[in-house]
């Protein structure tokens, strides 16, 4: 049975997740069905989104995020949602913006009138 057929079979077995709780943390929000083994489509767990991610990472179905080094301060950090993150905090992003502005427009000593003349 394919992964998609197993998902559909689980949806038919329990069509409405209202009133259910996450089996790990007990929350009632953002619930999903987790299949540890797709060859057993009726064997699934009800998990919230965050516990589902953790369960998938434990099963090896979803790779864990890797620690990165901040380009500005050199601190190690875990990117929250994007592979393109290369700065660790809002403070580092702000400082990098100032550095890039200085590269682009210089030190800012020229006035607008001097530029137009």
C-alpha atoms as a PDB file:
ATOM      1  CA  UNK A   1       0.000   0.000   0.000  1.00  0.00           C
ATOM      2  CA  UNK A   2       1.341   3.430  -0.868  1.00  0.00           C
ATOM      3  CA  UNK A   3       1.877   6.223   1.606  1.00  0.00           C
ATOM      4  CA  UNK A   4      -1.026   8.153   0.105  1.00  0.00           C
ATOM      5  CA  UNK A   5      -3.413   5.204   0.302  1.00  0.00           C
ATOM      6  CA  UNK A   6      -2.470   4.695   3.967  1.00  0.00           C
ATOM      7  CA  UNK A   7      -3.141   8.365   4.698  1.00  0.00           C
ATOM      8  CA  UNK A   8      -6.538   8.222   3.013  1.00  0.00           C
ATOM      9  CA  UNK A   9      -7.457   5.045   4.893  1.00  0.00           C
ATOM     10  CA  UNK A  10      -6.536   6.719   8.214  1.00  0.00           C
ATOM     11  CA  UNK A  11      -8.641   9.769   7.297  1.00  0.00           C
ATOM     12  CA  UNK A  12     -11.624   7.498   6.673  1.00  0.00           C
ATOM     13  CA  UNK A  13     -11.044   5.609   9.951  1.00  0.00           C
ATOM     14  CA  UNK A  14     -10.996   8.844  11.993  1.00  0.00           C
ATOM     15  CA  UNK A  15     -12.377  11.648   9.787  1.00  0.00           C
ATOM     16  CA  UNK A  16     -12.649  14.329  12.454  1.00  0.00           C
ATOM     17  CA  UNK A  17      -9.863  15.172  14.905  1.00  0.00           C
ATOM     18  CA  UNK A  18     -12.072  17.561  16.917  1.00  0.00           C
ATOM     19  CA  UNK A  19     -12.114  16.499  20.552  1.00  0.00           C
ATOM     20  CA  UNK A  20      -8.872  14.531  20.207  1.00  0.00           C
ATOM     21  CA  UNK A  21      -5.628  15.294  22.064  1.00  0.00           C
ATOM     22  CA  UNK A  22      -1.973  14.936  21.153  1.00  0.00           C
ATOM     23  CA  UNK A  23      -0.753  11.620  22.559  1.00  0.00           C
ATOM     24  CA  UNK A  24       2.587  13.153  23.583  1.00  0.00           C
ATOM     25  CA  UNK A  25       1.888  16.635  24.966  1.00  0.00           C
ATOM     26  CA  UNK A  26      -1.912  16.681  25.347  1.00  0.00           C
ATOM     27  CA  UNK A  27      -2.688  19.792  23.292  1.00  0.00           C
ATOM     28  CA  UNK A  28      -5.836  19.973  21.179  1.00  0.00           C
ATOM     29  CA  UNK A  29      -4.493  22.338  18.497  1.00  0.00           C
ATOM     30  CA  UNK A  30      -2.899  21.597  15.103  1.00  0.00           C
ATOM     31  CA  UNK A  31      -3.489  17.847  15.291  1.00  0.00           C
ATOM     32  CA  UNK A  32      -2.236  15.416  12.653  1.00  0.00           C
ATOM     33  CA  UNK A  33      -2.111  11.651  12.127  1.00  0.00           C
ATOM     34  CA  UNK A  34       1.362  10.086  12.416  1.00  0.00           C
ATOM     35  CA  UNK A  35       2.071   6.758  10.705  1.00  0.00           C
ATOM     36  CA  UNK A  36       5.171   5.098  12.150  1.00  0.00           C
ATOM     37  CA  UNK A  37       4.808   2.332   9.549  1.00  0.00           C
ATOM     38  CA  UNK A  38       2.882   2.844   6.294  1.00  0.00           C
ATOM     39  CA  UNK A  39       2.483  -0.906   5.807  1.00  0.00           C
ATOM     40  CA  UNK A  40       0.018  -0.793   8.742  1.00  0.00           C
ATOM     41  CA  UNK A  41      -2.389   1.969   7.652  1.00  0.00           C
ATOM     42  CA  UNK A  42      -4.761   1.537  10.603  1.00  0.00           C
ATOM     43  CA  UNK A  43      -1.953   1.962  13.144  1.00  0.00           C
ATOM     44  CA  UNK A  44      -1.496   5.706  13.573  1.00  0.00           C
ATOM     45  CA  UNK A  45      -1.036   8.159  16.415  1.00  0.00           C
ATOM     46  CA  UNK A  46      -2.690  11.539  16.921  1.00  0.00           C
ATOM     47  CA  UNK A  47       0.042  14.155  17.399  1.00  0.00           C
ATOM     48  CA  UNK A  48       0.252  17.941  17.265  1.00  0.00           C
ATOM     49  CA  UNK A  49       2.430  19.475  14.556  1.00  0.00           C
ATOM     50  CA  UNK A  50       5.529  19.893  16.747  1.00  0.00           C
ATOM     51  CA  UNK A  51       5.331  16.374  18.227  1.00  0.00           C
ATOM     52  CA  UNK A  52       4.766  15.013  14.694  1.00  0.00           C
ATOM     53  CA  UNK A  53       8.011  16.626  13.530  1.00  0.00           C
ATOM     54  CA  UNK A  54       9.877  15.155  16.517  1.00  0.00           C
ATOM     55  CA  UNK A  55       8.394  11.703  15.866  1.00  0.00           C
ATOM     56  CA  UNK A  56       9.355  11.873  12.170  1.00  0.00           C
ATOM     57  CA  UNK A  57      12.898  12.898  13.100  1.00  0.00           C
ATOM     58  CA  UNK A  58      13.126  10.005  15.582  1.00  0.00           C
ATOM     59  CA  UNK A  59      11.865   7.572  12.907  1.00  0.00           C
ATOM     60  CA  UNK A  60      14.339   8.937  10.359  1.00  0.00           C
ATOM     61  CA  UNK A  61      11.625  10.191   7.982  1.00  0.00           C
ATOM     62  CA  UNK A  62      12.586  13.848   8.363  1.00  0.00           C
ATOM     63  CA  UNK A  63      16.138  15.156   8.671  1.00  0.00           C
ATOM     64  CA  UNK A  64      16.977  17.195  11.759  1.00  0.00           C
ATOM     65  CA  UNK A  65      18.155  20.762  11.257  1.00  0.00           C
ATOM     66  CA  UNK A  66      21.864  21.355  11.546  1.00  0.00           C
ATOM     67  CA  UNK A  67      23.547  23.967  13.730  1.00  0.00           C
ATOM     68  CA  UNK A  68      24.994  26.914  11.801  1.00  0.00           C
ATOM     69  CA  UNK A  69      27.668  29.533  12.520  1.00  0.00           C
ATOM     70  CA  UNK A  70      26.606  33.192  12.497  1.00  0.00           C
ATOM     71  CA  UNK A  71      28.435  35.097   9.742  1.00  0.00           C
ATOM     72  CA  UNK A  72      28.775  38.181  11.920  1.00  0.00           C
ATOM     73  CA  UNK A  73      29.519  37.123  15.497  1.00  0.00           C
ATOM     74  CA  UNK A  74      30.544  33.473  15.014  1.00  0.00           C
ATOM     75  CA  UNK A  75      27.994  32.078  17.498  1.00  0.00           C
ATOM     76  CA  UNK A  76      26.401  28.679  16.875  1.00  0.00           C
ATOM     77  CA  UNK A  77      22.617  28.769  16.306  1.00  0.00           C
ATOM     78  CA  UNK A  78      19.772  26.594  15.040  1.00  0.00           C
ATOM     79  CA  UNK A  79      17.921  28.103  12.045  1.00  0.00           C
ATOM     80  CA  UNK A  80      14.196  28.352  12.744  1.00  0.00           C
ATOM     81  CA  UNK A  81      12.573  27.929   9.333  1.00  0.00           C
ATOM     82  CA  UNK A  82      14.894  28.539   6.425  1.00  0.00           C
ATOM     83  CA  UNK A  83      18.048  27.019   4.989  1.00  0.00           C
ATOM     84  CA  UNK A  84      19.199  30.507   4.017  1.00  0.00           C
ATOM     85  CA  UNK A  85      19.658  31.778   7.577  1.00  0.00           C
ATOM     86  CA  UNK A  86      23.221  32.850   8.192  1.00  0.00           C
ATOM     87  CA  UNK A  87      22.770  35.298  11.091  1.00  0.00           C
ATOM     88  CA  UNK A  88      21.837  34.259  14.622  1.00  0.00           C
ATOM     89  CA  UNK A  89      19.691  37.092  15.968  1.00  0.00           C
ATOM     90  CA  UNK A  90      17.812  40.317  15.172  1.00  0.00           C
ATOM     91  CA  UNK A  91      20.759  42.269  16.583  1.00  0.00           C
ATOM     92  CA  UNK A  92      23.178  40.622  14.137  1.00  0.00           C
ATOM     93  CA  UNK A  93      20.734  41.182  11.242  1.00  0.00           C
ATOM     94  CA  UNK A  94      20.476  44.859  12.185  1.00  0.00           C
ATOM     95  CA  UNK A  95      24.251  45.261  12.388  1.00  0.00           C
ATOM     96  CA  UNK A  96      24.693  43.459   9.056  1.00  0.00           C
ATOM     97  CA  UNK A  97      22.178  45.906   7.543  1.00  0.00           C
ATOM     98  CA  UNK A  98      24.236  48.841   8.803  1.00  0.00           C
ATOM     99  CA  UNK A  99      27.445  47.294   7.421  1.00  0.00           C
ATOM    100  CA  UNK A 100      25.851  46.713   4.013  1.00  0.00           C
ATOM    101  CA  UNK A 101      24.424  50.254   3.959  1.00  0.00           C
ATOM    102  CA  UNK A 102      27.893  51.686   4.669  1.00  0.00           C
ATOM    103  CA  UNK A 103      29.333  49.573   1.852  1.00  0.00           C
ATOM    104  CA  UNK A 104      26.667  50.784  -0.535  1.00  0.00           C
ATOM    105  CA  UNK A 105      26.356  54.447   0.368  1.00  0.00           C
ATOM    106  CA  UNK A 106      29.603  55.205   2.156  1.00  0.00           C
ATOM    107  CA  UNK A 107      29.863  56.832   5.548  1.00  0.00           C
ATOM    108  CA  UNK A 108      26.948  59.212   4.911  1.00  0.00           C
ATOM    109  CA  UNK A 109      28.960  62.461   5.195  1.00  0.00           C
ATOM    110  CA  UNK A 110      27.694  63.874   1.892  1.00  0.00           C
ATOM    111  CA  UNK A 111      24.487  65.855   1.971  1.00  0.00           C
ATOM    112  CA  UNK A 112      21.769  65.572  -0.629  1.00  0.00           C
ATOM    113  CA  UNK A 113      22.512  69.094  -1.902  1.00  0.00           C
ATOM    114  CA  UNK A 114      26.163  68.201  -2.520  1.00  0.00           C
ATOM    115  CA  UNK A 115      25.130  65.117  -4.495  1.00  0.00           C
ATOM    116  CA  UNK A 116      22.817  67.120  -6.789  1.00  0.00           C
ATOM    117  CA  UNK A 117      25.335  69.841  -7.563  1.00  0.00           C
END
